[in-house]
Amino acid sequence: MSDNPILPQRKRHRLPVDSYILTDNAYFFTVCARHQGKPFRNPDLARTVVDSLIWTRNKYQWKLYCYCLMPDHMHFVCRPTVSGGFINAGSRGFLPESTLDHLARFKSFTTSASWKHGFSGPLWQRSSFDVILDETRPFEVVAGYVLENPVRKQLVADWTMWPFSGIVDEW
């Protein structure tokens, strides 16, 4: 983080970095598009993003309970089921691989894919809004929030009609 008061301060993740390696928690992620307006109105790009999220789930053995890709952001609830090993973090040494690392790879891949659809620059904001589900954020309430998002935004009358949302793993 910069100590220069003139430069904008980057928000820190809302969770301690170590919490992203835990496999006994479900996480609620919100990831927003960056300076692109509403890129996911492009159905081909939206399908690529959803397919990439499913691929990420399979590759890293997540439980992906539900997701919803809106025109300008995405929500999903997942739980890693295996510890990821270690990654080379350069001068910081070898660090445990976490759900944040998986999300970073997903964002990188989908950003590159977006360029094939006429977009340029980063597709996603650098940070995401992340919470661990617990008694203050009950699973069913959060899952309902995720799935009902297109209904609240009056894009469809029933969440099952939205083509870019769904339940992957039952809870």
N, C-alpha and C. Protein backbone atom coordinates (compact mmCIF):
# COMPACT_ATOMS: atom_id res chain seq x y z
N MET A 1 0.85 -1.18 0.00
CA MET A 1 0.00 0.00 0.00
C MET A 1 0.89 1.23 0.00
N SER A 2 0.45 2.23 -0.68
CA SER A 2 1.21 3.47 -0.77
C SER A 2 0.98 4.32 0.47
N ASP A 3 2.06 4.98 0.90
CA ASP A 3 1.94 5.92 2.01
C ASP A 3 1.71 7.33 1.51
N ASN A 4 1.65 7.50 0.20
CA ASN A 4 1.44 8.81 -0.40
C ASN A 4 -0.05 9.16 -0.30
N PRO A 5 -0.39 10.26 0.42
CA PRO A 5 -1.81 10.59 0.61
C PRO A 5 -2.50 11.04 -0.67
N ILE A 6 -1.75 11.36 -1.71
CA ILE A 6 -2.36 11.82 -2.96
C ILE A 6 -2.87 10.63 -3.78
N LEU A 7 -2.17 9.50 -3.70
CA LEU A 7 -2.56 8.34 -4.46
C LEU A 7 -3.72 7.63 -3.77
N PRO A 8 -4.64 7.05 -4.56
CA PRO A 8 -5.75 6.32 -3.93
C PRO A 8 -5.21 5.10 -3.20
N GLN A 9 -5.85 4.79 -2.10
CA GLN A 9 -5.45 3.63 -1.30
C GLN A 9 -6.22 2.41 -1.79
N ARG A 10 -5.49 1.34 -2.07
CA ARG A 10 -6.11 0.10 -2.50
C ARG A 10 -6.72 -0.59 -1.29
N LYS A 11 -7.95 -1.05 -1.45
CA LYS A 11 -8.61 -1.77 -0.36
C LYS A 11 -7.91 -3.10 -0.13
N ARG A 12 -7.80 -3.47 1.11
CA ARG A 12 -7.27 -4.79 1.45
C ARG A 12 -8.41 -5.80 1.38
N HIS A 13 -8.02 -7.05 1.20
CA HIS A 13 -9.05 -8.10 1.26
C HIS A 13 -9.69 -8.05 2.63
N ARG A 14 -10.93 -8.38 2.68
CA ARG A 14 -11.66 -8.30 3.95
C ARG A 14 -11.31 -9.44 4.89
N LEU A 15 -10.67 -10.47 4.38
CA LEU A 15 -10.30 -11.61 5.21
C LEU A 15 -8.78 -11.68 5.31
N PRO A 16 -8.27 -12.19 6.42
CA PRO A 16 -6.82 -12.44 6.49
C PRO A 16 -6.43 -13.45 5.40
N VAL A 17 -5.30 -13.24 4.76
CA VAL A 17 -4.88 -14.08 3.65
C VAL A 17 -4.84 -15.56 4.04
N ASP A 18 -4.43 -15.85 5.27
CA ASP A 18 -4.36 -17.25 5.72
C ASP A 18 -5.71 -17.94 5.72
N SER A 19 -6.80 -17.20 5.82
CA SER A 19 -8.11 -17.83 5.89
C SER A 19 -8.52 -18.46 4.55
N TYR A 20 -7.87 -18.08 3.45
CA TYR A 20 -8.23 -18.61 2.14
C TYR A 20 -7.67 -20.01 1.88
N ILE A 21 -6.87 -20.55 2.80
CA ILE A 21 -6.36 -21.91 2.62
C ILE A 21 -7.21 -22.94 3.34
N LEU A 22 -8.18 -22.48 4.10
CA LEU A 22 -9.02 -23.38 4.89
C LEU A 22 -9.98 -24.15 4.00
N THR A 23 -10.19 -25.42 4.32
CA THR A 23 -11.11 -26.24 3.54
C THR A 23 -12.41 -26.53 4.27
N ASP A 24 -12.56 -25.99 5.48
CA ASP A 24 -13.80 -26.26 6.22
C ASP A 24 -14.75 -25.07 6.21
N ASN A 25 -14.49 -24.11 5.34
CA ASN A 25 -15.34 -22.93 5.24
C ASN A 25 -15.88 -22.77 3.83
N ALA A 26 -17.09 -22.24 3.74
CA ALA A 26 -17.63 -21.80 2.45
C ALA A 26 -17.36 -20.30 2.33
N TYR A 27 -17.03 -19.86 1.12
CA TYR A 27 -16.71 -18.46 0.86
C TYR A 27 -17.72 -17.88 -0.11
N PHE A 28 -18.08 -16.63 0.14
CA PHE A 28 -18.95 -15.88 -0.76
C PHE A 28 -18.07 -14.81 -1.41
N PHE A 29 -17.94 -14.91 -2.74
CA PHE A 29 -17.13 -13.96 -3.49
C PHE A 29 -18.01 -13.07 -4.36
N THR A 30 -17.65 -11.80 -4.43
CA THR A 30 -18.21 -10.88 -5.41
C THR A 30 -17.04 -10.28 -6.16
N VAL A 31 -17.06 -10.42 -7.48
CA VAL A 31 -15.99 -9.93 -8.34
C VAL A 31 -16.64 -9.00 -9.36
N CYS A 32 -16.13 -7.78 -9.47
CA CYS A 32 -16.74 -6.79 -10.34
C CYS A 32 -15.90 -6.55 -11.60
N ALA A 33 -16.58 -6.26 -12.70
CA ALA A 33 -15.91 -5.89 -13.94
C ALA A 33 -15.23 -4.54 -13.75
N ARG A 34 -14.18 -4.32 -14.50
CA ARG A 34 -13.40 -3.10 -14.33
C ARG A 34 -13.51 -2.22 -15.58
N HIS A 35 -14.05 -1.06 -15.44
CA HIS A 35 -14.05 -0.04 -16.49
C HIS A 35 -14.51 -0.56 -17.84
N GLN A 36 -15.37 -1.53 -17.85
CA GLN A 36 -15.81 -2.10 -19.12
C GLN A 36 -17.31 -1.90 -19.33
N GLY A 37 -17.95 -1.16 -18.45
CA GLY A 37 -19.39 -1.06 -18.55
C GLY A 37 -20.02 -2.36 -18.09
N LYS A 38 -20.69 -3.02 -18.99
CA LYS A 38 -21.37 -4.28 -18.68
C LYS A 38 -20.93 -5.34 -19.69
N PRO A 39 -19.69 -5.83 -19.52
CA PRO A 39 -19.14 -6.74 -20.53
C PRO A 39 -19.88 -8.07 -20.66
N PHE A 40 -20.56 -8.48 -19.60
CA PHE A 40 -21.19 -9.79 -19.64
C PHE A 40 -22.57 -9.77 -20.28
N ARG A 41 -22.91 -8.64 -20.88
CA ARG A 41 -24.09 -8.61 -21.77
C ARG A 41 -23.75 -9.33 -23.08
N ASN A 42 -22.46 -9.49 -23.34
CA ASN A 42 -22.01 -10.28 -24.49
C ASN A 42 -22.19 -11.75 -24.10
N PRO A 43 -23.16 -12.45 -24.70
CA PRO A 43 -23.46 -13.81 -24.26
C PRO A 43 -22.30 -14.78 -24.47
N ASP A 44 -21.49 -14.58 -25.50
CA ASP A 44 -20.35 -15.47 -25.72
C ASP A 44 -19.30 -15.31 -24.62
N LEU A 45 -19.03 -14.06 -24.25
CA LEU A 45 -18.09 -13.82 -23.15
C LEU A 45 -18.68 -14.35 -21.84
N ALA A 46 -19.96 -14.12 -21.61
CA ALA A 46 -20.60 -14.60 -20.38
C ALA A 46 -20.49 -16.12 -20.29
N ARG A 47 -20.73 -16.81 -21.39
CA ARG A 47 -20.63 -18.28 -21.39
C ARG A 47 -19.20 -18.71 -21.11
N THR A 48 -18.22 -17.99 -21.68
CA THR A 48 -16.81 -18.30 -21.43
C THR A 48 -16.48 -18.15 -19.95
N VAL A 49 -16.99 -17.09 -19.33
CA VAL A 49 -16.74 -16.85 -17.90
C VAL A 49 -17.35 -17.97 -17.06
N VAL A 50 -18.59 -18.32 -17.34
CA VAL A 50 -19.24 -19.39 -16.57
C VAL A 50 -18.51 -20.72 -16.78
N ASP A 51 -18.17 -21.03 -18.02
CA ASP A 51 -17.45 -22.27 -18.30
C ASP A 51 -16.10 -22.29 -17.57
N SER A 52 -15.44 -21.14 -17.51
CA SER A 52 -14.15 -21.04 -16.81
C SER A 52 -14.31 -21.21 -15.31
N LEU A 53 -15.41 -20.71 -14.76
CA LEU A 53 -15.67 -20.91 -13.34
C LEU A 53 -15.88 -22.40 -13.03
N ILE A 54 -16.61 -23.09 -13.90
CA ILE A 54 -16.83 -24.53 -13.73
C ILE A 54 -15.51 -25.27 -13.87
N TRP A 55 -14.68 -24.88 -14.84
CA TRP A 55 -13.37 -25.50 -15.01
C TRP A 55 -12.52 -25.30 -13.76
N THR A 56 -12.55 -24.09 -13.20
CA THR A 56 -11.79 -23.80 -11.98
C THR A 56 -12.26 -24.69 -10.84
N ARG A 57 -13.56 -24.85 -10.72
CA ARG A 57 -14.13 -25.75 -9.71
C ARG A 57 -13.58 -27.16 -9.86
N ASN A 58 -13.56 -27.65 -11.09
CA ASN A 58 -13.08 -29.02 -11.33
C ASN A 58 -11.57 -29.14 -11.09
N LYS A 59 -10.82 -28.20 -11.59
CA LYS A 59 -9.36 -28.24 -11.48
C LYS A 59 -8.90 -28.22 -10.02
N TYR A 60 -9.51 -27.37 -9.21
CA TYR A 60 -9.06 -27.18 -7.83
C TYR A 60 -9.94 -27.91 -6.82
N GLN A 61 -10.86 -28.73 -7.32
CA GLN A 61 -11.71 -29.58 -6.48
C GLN A 61 -12.51 -28.78 -5.45
N TRP A 62 -13.11 -27.70 -5.93
CA TRP A 62 -14.01 -26.93 -5.09
C TRP A 62 -15.38 -27.60 -5.06
N LYS A 63 -16.14 -27.26 -4.06
CA LYS A 63 -17.58 -27.37 -4.12
C LYS A 63 -18.03 -25.99 -4.58
N LEU A 64 -18.70 -25.92 -5.70
CA LEU A 64 -19.24 -24.66 -6.20
C LEU A 64 -20.74 -24.75 -6.00
N TYR A 65 -21.20 -24.13 -4.93
CA TYR A 65 -22.60 -24.29 -4.56
C TYR A 65 -23.53 -23.52 -5.49
N CYS A 66 -23.21 -22.28 -5.75
CA CYS A 66 -24.05 -21.50 -6.65
C CYS A 66 -23.25 -20.35 -7.21
N TYR A 67 -23.74 -19.80 -8.31
CA TYR A 67 -23.07 -18.66 -8.95
C TYR A 67 -24.13 -17.84 -9.68
N CYS A 68 -23.79 -16.61 -9.96
CA CYS A 68 -24.61 -15.75 -10.79
C CYS A 68 -23.71 -14.71 -11.44
N LEU A 69 -23.66 -14.74 -12.75
CA LEU A 69 -22.91 -13.75 -13.52
C LEU A 69 -23.90 -12.71 -14.02
N MET A 70 -23.76 -11.50 -13.50
CA MET A 70 -24.60 -10.38 -13.89
C MET A 70 -23.90 -9.60 -15.01
N PRO A 71 -24.54 -8.59 -15.60
CA PRO A 71 -23.90 -7.85 -16.68
C PRO A 71 -22.57 -7.20 -16.31
N ASP A 72 -22.38 -6.86 -15.03
CA ASP A 72 -21.14 -6.16 -14.65
C ASP A 72 -20.43 -6.75 -13.43
N HIS A 73 -20.90 -7.88 -12.91
CA HIS A 73 -20.23 -8.50 -11.77
C HIS A 73 -20.65 -9.97 -11.65
N MET A 74 -19.97 -10.67 -10.76
CA MET A 74 -20.27 -12.07 -10.55
C MET A 74 -20.25 -12.37 -9.05
N HIS A 75 -21.20 -13.18 -8.62
CA HIS A 75 -21.22 -13.71 -7.26
C HIS A 75 -21.08 -15.22 -7.36
N PHE A 76 -20.39 -15.81 -6.38
CA PHE A 76 -20.42 -17.27 -6.26
C PHE A 76 -20.08 -17.67 -4.84
N VAL A 77 -20.54 -18.87 -4.48
CA VAL A 77 -20.26 -19.45 -3.18
C VAL A 77 -19.55 -20.77 -3.42
N CYS A 78 -18.37 -20.91 -2.82
CA CYS A 78 -17.59 -22.12 -3.02
C CYS A 78 -16.94 -22.56 -1.71
N ARG A 79 -16.43 -23.78 -1.74
CA ARG A 79 -15.63 -24.30 -0.63
C ARG A 79 -14.55 -25.18 -1.20
N PRO A 80 -13.28 -24.85 -0.95
CA PRO A 80 -12.22 -25.77 -1.38
C PRO A 80 -12.32 -27.06 -0.56
N THR A 81 -12.00 -28.17 -1.19
CA THR A 81 -12.12 -29.45 -0.49
C THR A 81 -10.77 -30.10 -0.21
N VAL A 82 -9.72 -29.60 -0.86
CA VAL A 82 -8.37 -30.13 -0.61
C VAL A 82 -7.41 -28.96 -0.44
N SER A 83 -6.38 -29.17 0.36
CA SER A 83 -5.34 -28.16 0.49
C SER A 83 -4.53 -28.17 -0.80
N GLY A 84 -4.12 -26.98 -1.23
CA GLY A 84 -3.54 -26.82 -2.55
C GLY A 84 -2.04 -27.00 -2.67
N GLY A 85 -1.33 -27.29 -1.62
CA GLY A 85 0.12 -27.37 -1.75
C GLY A 85 0.74 -25.99 -1.60
N PHE A 86 1.86 -25.79 -2.26
CA PHE A 86 2.58 -24.53 -2.13
C PHE A 86 2.87 -23.94 -3.50
N ILE A 87 2.98 -22.61 -3.53
CA ILE A 87 3.36 -21.91 -4.76
C ILE A 87 4.59 -21.05 -4.47
N ASN A 88 5.36 -20.80 -5.50
CA ASN A 88 6.55 -19.97 -5.37
C ASN A 88 6.11 -18.51 -5.39
N ALA A 89 6.29 -17.81 -4.28
CA ALA A 89 5.89 -16.41 -4.16
C ALA A 89 7.10 -15.48 -4.27
N GLY A 90 8.11 -15.91 -4.96
CA GLY A 90 9.29 -15.07 -5.18
C GLY A 90 10.02 -14.78 -3.89
N SER A 91 10.24 -13.50 -3.63
CA SER A 91 11.01 -13.10 -2.45
C SER A 91 10.30 -13.46 -1.14
N ARG A 92 9.00 -13.74 -1.21
CA ARG A 92 8.27 -14.13 0.00
C ARG A 92 8.40 -15.61 0.29
N GLY A 93 9.09 -16.34 -0.59
CA GLY A 93 9.29 -17.77 -0.38
C GLY A 93 8.14 -18.60 -0.93
N PHE A 94 8.01 -19.81 -0.46
CA PHE A 94 6.92 -20.69 -0.86
C PHE A 94 5.79 -20.52 0.13
N LEU A 95 4.60 -20.24 -0.42
CA LEU A 95 3.42 -20.00 0.41
C LEU A 95 2.34 -21.03 0.07
N PRO A 96 1.46 -21.31 1.03
CA PRO A 96 0.37 -22.25 0.74
C PRO A 96 -0.52 -21.71 -0.39
N GLU A 97 -0.87 -22.58 -1.31
CA GLU A 97 -1.79 -22.21 -2.38
C GLU A 97 -3.18 -22.05 -1.79
N SER A 98 -3.91 -21.03 -2.25
CA SER A 98 -5.21 -20.74 -1.64
C SER A 98 -6.27 -20.49 -2.71
N THR A 99 -7.48 -20.34 -2.25
CA THR A 99 -8.59 -20.00 -3.12
C THR A 99 -8.34 -18.68 -3.85
N LEU A 100 -7.62 -17.76 -3.20
CA LEU A 100 -7.27 -16.50 -3.88
C LEU A 100 -6.38 -16.74 -5.08
N ASP A 101 -5.47 -17.69 -4.99
CA ASP A 101 -4.62 -18.04 -6.13
C ASP A 101 -5.46 -18.60 -7.27
N HIS A 102 -6.42 -19.44 -6.94
CA HIS A 102 -7.31 -20.00 -7.95
C HIS A 102 -8.12 -18.89 -8.62
N LEU A 103 -8.63 -17.97 -7.81
CA LEU A 103 -9.41 -16.86 -8.35
C LEU A 103 -8.55 -15.98 -9.25
N ALA A 104 -7.31 -15.75 -8.88
CA ALA A 104 -6.41 -14.93 -9.70
C ALA A 104 -6.20 -15.58 -11.07
N ARG A 105 -6.02 -16.90 -11.09
CA ARG A 105 -5.83 -17.60 -12.37
C ARG A 105 -7.10 -17.53 -13.22
N PHE A 106 -8.24 -17.68 -12.57
CA PHE A 106 -9.53 -17.55 -13.27
C PHE A 106 -9.66 -16.17 -13.90
N LYS A 107 -9.36 -15.14 -13.13
CA LYS A 107 -9.48 -13.77 -13.63
C LYS A 107 -8.51 -13.51 -14.77
N SER A 108 -7.31 -14.03 -14.68
CA SER A 108 -6.32 -13.86 -15.74
C SER A 108 -6.78 -14.54 -17.03
N PHE A 109 -7.26 -15.77 -16.91
CA PHE A 109 -7.71 -16.50 -18.09
C PHE A 109 -8.90 -15.80 -18.74
N THR A 110 -9.88 -15.40 -17.95
CA THR A 110 -11.08 -14.79 -18.53
C THR A 110 -10.78 -13.40 -19.09
N THR A 111 -9.80 -12.71 -18.51
CA THR A 111 -9.39 -11.43 -19.09
C THR A 111 -8.82 -11.66 -20.48
N SER A 112 -7.92 -12.63 -20.62
CA SER A 112 -7.36 -12.94 -21.95
C SER A 112 -8.46 -13.36 -22.92
N ALA A 113 -9.41 -14.14 -22.43
CA ALA A 113 -10.52 -14.57 -23.28
C ALA A 113 -11.36 -13.38 -23.73
N SER A 114 -11.50 -12.38 -22.87
CA SER A 114 -12.32 -11.21 -23.23
C SER A 114 -11.73 -10.44 -24.41
N TRP A 115 -10.43 -10.48 -24.56
CA TRP A 115 -9.78 -9.77 -25.67
C TRP A 115 -10.21 -10.35 -27.01
N LYS A 116 -10.53 -11.64 -27.03
CA LYS A 116 -11.02 -12.29 -28.26
C LYS A 116 -12.42 -11.83 -28.61
N HIS A 117 -13.08 -11.17 -27.64
CA HIS A 117 -14.44 -10.66 -27.86
C HIS A 117 -14.45 -9.15 -28.02
N GLY A 118 -13.27 -8.56 -28.27
CA GLY A 118 -13.19 -7.14 -28.56
C GLY A 118 -12.93 -6.23 -27.37
N PHE A 119 -12.74 -6.78 -26.20
CA PHE A 119 -12.44 -5.96 -25.03
C PHE A 119 -10.94 -5.77 -24.94
N SER A 120 -10.52 -4.77 -24.17
CA SER A 120 -9.09 -4.54 -23.98
C SER A 120 -8.83 -4.23 -22.51
N GLY A 121 -7.61 -4.44 -22.10
CA GLY A 121 -7.24 -4.16 -20.72
C GLY A 121 -7.82 -5.17 -19.76
N PRO A 122 -7.71 -4.86 -18.46
CA PRO A 122 -8.21 -5.80 -17.44
C PRO A 122 -9.73 -5.93 -17.52
N LEU A 123 -10.21 -7.14 -17.35
CA LEU A 123 -11.65 -7.39 -17.33
C LEU A 123 -12.21 -7.17 -15.93
N TRP A 124 -11.44 -7.51 -14.90
CA TRP A 124 -11.91 -7.52 -13.52
C TRP A 124 -11.21 -6.47 -12.68
N GLN A 125 -11.90 -6.00 -11.64
CA GLN A 125 -11.23 -5.19 -10.63
C GLN A 125 -10.21 -6.07 -9.92
N ARG A 126 -9.16 -5.44 -9.39
CA ARG A 126 -8.10 -6.21 -8.74
C ARG A 126 -8.60 -6.97 -7.51
N SER A 127 -9.36 -6.31 -6.69
CA SER A 127 -9.83 -6.93 -5.45
C SER A 127 -11.22 -7.52 -5.64
N SER A 128 -11.60 -8.31 -4.70
CA SER A 128 -12.96 -8.84 -4.67
C SER A 128 -13.49 -8.64 -3.26
N PHE A 129 -14.78 -8.77 -3.12
CA PHE A 129 -15.40 -8.71 -1.80
C PHE A 129 -15.64 -10.15 -1.39
N ASP A 130 -15.03 -10.56 -0.28
CA ASP A 130 -15.06 -11.96 0.12
C ASP A 130 -15.48 -12.07 1.58
N VAL A 131 -16.32 -13.03 1.86
CA VAL A 131 -16.68 -13.31 3.26
C VAL A 131 -16.75 -14.82 3.46
N ILE A 132 -16.47 -15.22 4.69
CA ILE A 132 -16.66 -16.61 5.09
C ILE A 132 -18.08 -16.73 5.65
N LEU A 133 -18.78 -17.76 5.21
CA LEU A 133 -20.14 -17.94 5.69
C LEU A 133 -20.09 -18.52 7.10
N ASP A 134 -20.92 -17.93 7.97
CA ASP A 134 -20.99 -18.36 9.37
C ASP A 134 -22.38 -18.02 9.88
N GLU A 135 -22.54 -18.05 11.19
CA GLU A 135 -23.88 -17.80 11.74
C GLU A 135 -24.37 -16.37 11.48
N THR A 136 -23.46 -15.43 11.23
CA THR A 136 -23.89 -14.06 10.91
C THR A 136 -24.28 -13.93 9.45
N ARG A 137 -23.80 -14.85 8.62
CA ARG A 137 -24.14 -14.88 7.20
C ARG A 137 -24.55 -16.31 6.86
N PRO A 138 -25.76 -16.71 7.20
CA PRO A 138 -26.19 -18.10 6.98
C PRO A 138 -26.12 -18.49 5.51
N PHE A 139 -25.72 -19.72 5.28
CA PHE A 139 -25.53 -20.23 3.93
C PHE A 139 -26.76 -20.02 3.05
N GLU A 140 -27.92 -20.41 3.54
CA GLU A 140 -29.13 -20.33 2.73
C GLU A 140 -29.47 -18.89 2.35
N VAL A 141 -29.22 -17.96 3.25
CA VAL A 141 -29.50 -16.55 2.97
C VAL A 141 -28.57 -16.05 1.87
N VAL A 142 -27.29 -16.38 1.97
CA VAL A 142 -26.32 -15.92 0.97
C VAL A 142 -26.58 -16.59 -0.38
N ALA A 143 -26.85 -17.89 -0.37
CA ALA A 143 -27.16 -18.58 -1.63
C ALA A 143 -28.41 -17.98 -2.28
N GLY A 144 -29.41 -17.68 -1.49
CA GLY A 144 -30.60 -17.02 -2.02
C GLY A 144 -30.28 -15.66 -2.61
N TYR A 145 -29.43 -14.90 -1.93
CA TYR A 145 -29.01 -13.58 -2.45
C TYR A 145 -28.33 -13.73 -3.80
N VAL A 146 -27.42 -14.70 -3.91
CA VAL A 146 -26.70 -14.93 -5.17
C VAL A 146 -27.68 -15.27 -6.29
N LEU A 147 -28.52 -16.25 -6.05
CA LEU A 147 -29.41 -16.73 -7.10
C LEU A 147 -30.51 -15.73 -7.47
N GLU A 148 -30.98 -14.96 -6.52
CA GLU A 148 -32.06 -14.01 -6.78
C GLU A 148 -31.58 -12.67 -7.35
N ASN A 149 -30.29 -12.51 -7.52
CA ASN A 149 -29.75 -11.24 -8.01
C ASN A 149 -30.40 -10.77 -9.31
N PRO A 150 -30.56 -11.60 -10.35
CA PRO A 150 -31.19 -11.10 -11.58
C PRO A 150 -32.67 -10.76 -11.40
N VAL A 151 -33.31 -11.36 -10.40
CA VAL A 151 -34.70 -11.02 -10.11
C VAL A 151 -34.76 -9.64 -9.46
N ARG A 152 -33.88 -9.40 -8.48
CA ARG A 152 -33.84 -8.09 -7.82
C ARG A 152 -33.54 -6.97 -8.81
N LYS A 153 -32.73 -7.27 -9.83
CA LYS A 153 -32.38 -6.27 -10.84
C LYS A 153 -33.40 -6.22 -11.98
N GLN A 154 -34.48 -6.98 -11.83
CA GLN A 154 -35.59 -7.03 -12.78
C GLN A 154 -35.17 -7.45 -14.19
N LEU A 155 -34.21 -8.38 -14.24
CA LEU A 155 -33.78 -8.93 -15.52
C LEU A 155 -34.62 -10.14 -15.91
N VAL A 156 -35.13 -10.85 -14.90
CA VAL A 156 -36.00 -12.01 -15.12
C VAL A 156 -37.00 -12.07 -13.96
N ALA A 157 -38.07 -12.84 -14.16
CA ALA A 157 -39.08 -12.98 -13.11
C ALA A 157 -38.71 -14.08 -12.11
N ASP A 158 -37.93 -15.07 -12.57
CA ASP A 158 -37.54 -16.19 -11.73
C ASP A 158 -36.06 -16.48 -12.00
N TRP A 159 -35.28 -16.72 -10.95
CA TRP A 159 -33.84 -16.87 -11.14
C TRP A 159 -33.47 -18.00 -12.08
N THR A 160 -34.31 -19.03 -12.17
CA THR A 160 -34.00 -20.16 -13.05
C THR A 160 -34.07 -19.77 -14.53
N MET A 161 -34.64 -18.62 -14.82
CA MET A 161 -34.71 -18.15 -16.20
C MET A 161 -33.43 -17.41 -16.62
N TRP A 162 -32.57 -17.06 -15.68
CA TRP A 162 -31.33 -16.35 -15.99
C TRP A 162 -30.31 -17.37 -16.51
N PRO A 163 -29.78 -17.19 -17.72
CA PRO A 163 -28.92 -18.22 -18.32
C PRO A 163 -27.53 -18.33 -17.69
N PHE A 164 -27.15 -17.36 -16.86
CA PHE A 164 -25.79 -17.35 -16.33
C PHE A 164 -25.77 -17.46 -14.81
N SER A 165 -26.63 -18.32 -14.31
CA SER A 165 -26.63 -18.61 -12.87
C SER A 165 -27.03 -20.06 -12.68
N GLY A 166 -26.68 -20.59 -11.53
CA GLY A 166 -27.07 -21.96 -11.29
C GLY A 166 -26.51 -22.52 -9.99
N ILE A 167 -27.00 -23.70 -9.69
CA ILE A 167 -26.51 -24.50 -8.56
C ILE A 167 -25.69 -25.62 -9.18
N VAL A 168 -24.45 -25.75 -8.76
CA VAL A 168 -23.58 -26.80 -9.29
C VAL A 168 -23.51 -27.96 -8.32
N ASP A 169 -23.15 -27.69 -7.08
CA ASP A 169 -23.05 -28.72 -6.05
C ASP A 169 -24.12 -28.47 -5.01
N GLU A 170 -24.89 -29.49 -4.72
CA GLU A 170 -25.93 -29.35 -3.69
C GLU A 170 -25.30 -29.11 -2.33
N TRP A 171 -26.05 -28.39 -1.48
CA TRP A 171 -25.55 -28.17 -0.13
C TRP A 171 -26.44 -28.85 0.86
